[in-house]
């Protein structure tokens, strides 16, 4: 099967994998202890959960969009 028939090349697939890991890390940064009816947890308002984690996830999603839209390099040799 010819490489021209594939929509993605190896670089696109690697970028998709890296961006997926970045999104997962962003979501993991959002996790933490929850408040209950009897105990208030002030960590729900931490900078890590409110600012850092969403920005990390957004960067991952933007990288994922770039990886999907990136056009694979084509071989410029002329076929006779």
N, C-alpha and C. Protein backbone atom coordinates (compact mmCIF):
# COMPACT_ATOMS: atom_id res chain seq x y z
N UNK A 1 0.85 -1.18 0.00
CA UNK A 1 0.00 0.00 0.00
C UNK A 1 0.89 1.24 0.00
N UNK A 2 0.53 2.19 -0.80
CA UNK A 2 1.32 3.40 -0.96
C UNK A 2 1.15 4.33 0.23
N UNK A 3 2.22 5.08 0.55
CA UNK A 3 2.15 6.04 1.65
C UNK A 3 1.26 7.22 1.32
N UNK A 4 1.00 7.47 0.06
CA UNK A 4 0.16 8.59 -0.34
C UNK A 4 -1.30 8.39 0.03
N UNK A 5 -1.72 7.16 0.32
CA UNK A 5 -3.10 6.87 0.65
C UNK A 5 -3.43 7.16 2.11
N UNK A 6 -2.44 7.30 2.96
CA UNK A 6 -2.67 7.56 4.38
C UNK A 6 -2.86 9.05 4.62
N UNK A 7 -3.79 9.40 5.50
CA UNK A 7 -4.04 10.80 5.81
C UNK A 7 -2.95 11.36 6.73
N UNK A 8 -2.40 10.52 7.60
CA UNK A 8 -1.39 10.96 8.57
C UNK A 8 -0.07 10.27 8.30
N UNK A 9 1.02 10.99 8.59
CA UNK A 9 2.32 10.35 8.57
C UNK A 9 2.75 10.11 10.02
N UNK A 10 3.97 9.64 10.21
CA UNK A 10 4.43 9.31 11.56
C UNK A 10 4.47 10.54 12.46
N UNK A 11 4.79 11.70 11.91
CA UNK A 11 4.85 12.92 12.72
C UNK A 11 3.47 13.29 13.23
N UNK A 12 2.45 13.16 12.39
CA UNK A 12 1.09 13.46 12.82
C UNK A 12 0.67 12.53 13.96
N UNK A 13 0.99 11.26 13.83
CA UNK A 13 0.61 10.31 14.86
C UNK A 13 1.34 10.58 16.16
N UNK A 14 2.62 10.94 16.08
CA UNK A 14 3.37 11.28 17.29
C UNK A 14 2.80 12.53 17.96
N UNK A 15 2.47 13.55 17.15
CA UNK A 15 1.88 14.76 17.71
C UNK A 15 0.54 14.48 18.37
N UNK A 16 -0.27 13.61 17.77
CA UNK A 16 -1.54 13.24 18.39
C UNK A 16 -1.32 12.53 19.72
N UNK A 17 -0.34 11.64 19.77
CA UNK A 17 -0.06 10.93 21.02
C UNK A 17 0.42 11.87 22.11
N UNK A 18 1.33 12.78 21.77
CA UNK A 18 1.85 13.73 22.75
C UNK A 18 0.74 14.65 23.24
N UNK A 19 -0.09 15.11 22.32
CA UNK A 19 -1.17 16.01 22.72
C UNK A 19 -2.19 15.29 23.61
N UNK A 20 -2.43 14.00 23.35
CA UNK A 20 -3.33 13.22 24.18
C UNK A 20 -2.78 13.11 25.61
N UNK A 21 -1.48 12.89 25.72
CA UNK A 21 -0.85 12.81 27.04
C UNK A 21 -0.94 14.15 27.76
N UNK A 22 -0.75 15.26 27.04
CA UNK A 22 -0.84 16.59 27.65
C UNK A 22 -2.25 16.85 28.16
N UNK A 23 -3.26 16.47 27.40
CA UNK A 23 -4.65 16.65 27.84
C UNK A 23 -4.93 15.81 29.09
N UNK A 24 -4.46 14.58 29.11
CA UNK A 24 -4.66 13.72 30.28
C UNK A 24 -3.97 14.30 31.50
N UNK A 25 -2.76 14.83 31.33
CA UNK A 25 -2.05 15.46 32.46
C UNK A 25 -2.84 16.67 32.96
N UNK A 26 -3.40 17.45 32.05
CA UNK A 26 -4.21 18.59 32.45
C UNK A 26 -5.42 18.17 33.28
N UNK A 27 -6.09 17.10 32.86
CA UNK A 27 -7.24 16.62 33.62
C UNK A 27 -6.82 16.04 34.96
N UNK A 28 -5.66 15.39 35.01
CA UNK A 28 -5.18 14.86 36.29
C UNK A 28 -4.81 15.98 37.25
N UNK A 29 -4.32 17.10 36.71
CA UNK A 29 -4.01 18.25 37.58
C UNK A 29 -5.28 18.85 38.19
N UNK A 30 -6.42 18.65 37.56
CA UNK A 30 -7.68 19.17 38.10
C UNK A 30 -8.22 18.35 39.25
N UNK A 31 -7.75 17.13 39.41
CA UNK A 31 -8.28 16.27 40.45
C UNK A 31 -7.76 16.68 41.82
N UNK A 32 -8.46 16.25 42.84
CA UNK A 32 -8.06 16.55 44.21
C UNK A 32 -9.19 16.24 45.16
N UNK A 33 -8.97 16.51 46.42
CA UNK A 33 -10.02 16.22 47.40
C UNK A 33 -11.23 17.12 47.20
N UNK A 34 -12.40 16.58 47.48
CA UNK A 34 -13.65 17.32 47.32
C UNK A 34 -14.17 17.78 48.68
N UNK A 35 -14.97 18.81 48.67
CA UNK A 35 -15.62 19.26 49.89
C UNK A 35 -16.83 18.37 50.17
N UNK A 36 -17.11 18.19 51.45
CA UNK A 36 -18.29 17.43 51.87
C UNK A 36 -19.23 18.37 52.60
N UNK A 37 -20.35 17.85 53.03
CA UNK A 37 -21.33 18.66 53.74
C UNK A 37 -20.80 19.11 55.10
N UNK A 38 -19.89 18.34 55.68
CA UNK A 38 -19.37 18.67 57.01
C UNK A 38 -17.97 19.27 56.99
N UNK A 39 -17.29 19.16 55.89
CA UNK A 39 -15.90 19.63 55.84
C UNK A 39 -15.69 20.41 54.54
N UNK A 40 -15.20 21.65 54.68
CA UNK A 40 -14.88 22.47 53.52
C UNK A 40 -13.42 22.27 53.15
N UNK A 41 -13.17 21.98 51.91
CA UNK A 41 -11.80 21.78 51.42
C UNK A 41 -11.37 23.01 50.63
N UNK A 42 -10.46 23.84 51.16
CA UNK A 42 -10.06 25.05 50.45
C UNK A 42 -9.21 24.77 49.20
N UNK A 43 -8.75 23.54 49.03
CA UNK A 43 -7.93 23.19 47.87
C UNK A 43 -8.71 23.26 46.56
N UNK A 44 -10.04 23.32 46.63
CA UNK A 44 -10.80 23.40 45.38
C UNK A 44 -10.58 24.74 44.68
N UNK A 45 -10.07 25.72 45.40
CA UNK A 45 -9.78 27.02 44.81
C UNK A 45 -8.29 27.25 44.58
N UNK A 46 -7.51 26.19 44.53
CA UNK A 46 -6.06 26.35 44.35
C UNK A 46 -5.75 26.78 42.92
N UNK A 47 -4.61 27.42 42.76
CA UNK A 47 -4.17 27.90 41.44
C UNK A 47 -3.97 26.73 40.48
N UNK A 48 -3.49 25.62 41.00
CA UNK A 48 -3.26 24.44 40.15
C UNK A 48 -4.56 23.95 39.53
N UNK A 49 -5.64 23.94 40.29
CA UNK A 49 -6.91 23.39 39.79
C UNK A 49 -7.71 24.39 38.97
N UNK A 50 -7.53 25.68 39.21
CA UNK A 50 -8.34 26.68 38.52
C UNK A 50 -7.63 27.29 37.31
N UNK A 51 -6.34 27.46 37.38
CA UNK A 51 -5.64 28.15 36.29
C UNK A 51 -4.68 27.26 35.51
N UNK A 52 -3.84 26.51 36.20
CA UNK A 52 -2.79 25.74 35.52
C UNK A 52 -3.38 24.58 34.73
N UNK A 53 -4.23 23.80 35.34
CA UNK A 53 -4.78 22.61 34.68
C UNK A 53 -5.59 22.94 33.43
N UNK A 54 -6.49 23.93 33.46
CA UNK A 54 -7.20 24.25 32.21
C UNK A 54 -6.29 24.76 31.10
N UNK A 55 -5.26 25.51 31.45
CA UNK A 55 -4.32 25.99 30.43
C UNK A 55 -3.55 24.83 29.83
N UNK A 56 -3.12 23.88 30.64
CA UNK A 56 -2.41 22.71 30.13
C UNK A 56 -3.32 21.90 29.21
N UNK A 57 -4.58 21.72 29.61
CA UNK A 57 -5.53 20.99 28.76
C UNK A 57 -5.78 21.73 27.46
N UNK A 58 -5.92 23.05 27.51
CA UNK A 58 -6.14 23.84 26.30
C UNK A 58 -4.97 23.72 25.34
N UNK A 59 -3.75 23.76 25.87
CA UNK A 59 -2.56 23.59 25.03
C UNK A 59 -2.58 22.22 24.36
N UNK A 60 -2.97 21.19 25.11
CA UNK A 60 -3.07 19.85 24.54
C UNK A 60 -4.10 19.78 23.43
N UNK A 61 -5.27 20.41 23.64
CA UNK A 61 -6.30 20.39 22.60
C UNK A 61 -5.87 21.17 21.37
N UNK A 62 -5.20 22.30 21.56
CA UNK A 62 -4.71 23.07 20.41
C UNK A 62 -3.65 22.29 19.64
N UNK A 63 -2.78 21.61 20.34
CA UNK A 63 -1.77 20.77 19.67
C UNK A 63 -2.44 19.63 18.92
N UNK A 64 -3.52 19.10 19.47
CA UNK A 64 -4.25 18.04 18.80
C UNK A 64 -4.87 18.55 17.49
N UNK A 65 -5.42 19.75 17.52
CA UNK A 65 -5.99 20.35 16.31
C UNK A 65 -4.90 20.55 15.26
N UNK A 66 -3.74 21.03 15.69
CA UNK A 66 -2.62 21.20 14.76
C UNK A 66 -2.19 19.87 14.17
N UNK A 67 -2.14 18.82 15.00
CA UNK A 67 -1.71 17.51 14.51
C UNK A 67 -2.68 16.95 13.48
N UNK A 68 -3.97 17.24 13.63
CA UNK A 68 -4.95 16.75 12.66
C UNK A 68 -4.88 17.55 11.37
N UNK A 69 -4.68 18.87 11.47
CA UNK A 69 -4.69 19.72 10.30
C UNK A 69 -3.35 19.75 9.55
N UNK A 70 -2.28 19.30 10.18
CA UNK A 70 -0.95 19.34 9.56
C UNK A 70 -0.92 18.43 8.34
N UNK A 71 -0.47 18.99 7.24
CA UNK A 71 -0.38 18.23 6.00
C UNK A 71 0.94 17.47 5.98
N UNK A 72 0.90 16.17 5.71
CA UNK A 72 2.14 15.39 5.66
C UNK A 72 3.04 15.86 4.52
N UNK A 73 4.32 15.77 4.74
CA UNK A 73 5.29 16.13 3.70
C UNK A 73 5.21 15.12 2.57
N UNK A 74 5.23 15.62 1.34
CA UNK A 74 5.20 14.72 0.19
C UNK A 74 6.58 14.67 -0.44
N UNK A 75 6.86 13.58 -1.08
CA UNK A 75 8.14 13.40 -1.76
C UNK A 75 8.09 14.18 -3.08
N UNK A 76 9.07 15.05 -3.32
CA UNK A 76 9.07 15.93 -4.48
C UNK A 76 9.75 15.33 -5.70
N UNK A 77 10.03 14.06 -5.68
CA UNK A 77 10.68 13.44 -6.84
C UNK A 77 9.67 13.28 -7.96
N UNK A 78 10.11 13.50 -9.18
CA UNK A 78 9.21 13.38 -10.33
C UNK A 78 9.14 11.92 -10.75
N UNK A 79 7.94 11.48 -11.03
CA UNK A 79 7.73 10.09 -11.47
C UNK A 79 7.63 10.08 -12.98
N UNK A 80 8.39 9.20 -13.58
CA UNK A 80 8.38 9.11 -15.05
C UNK A 80 7.68 7.88 -15.51
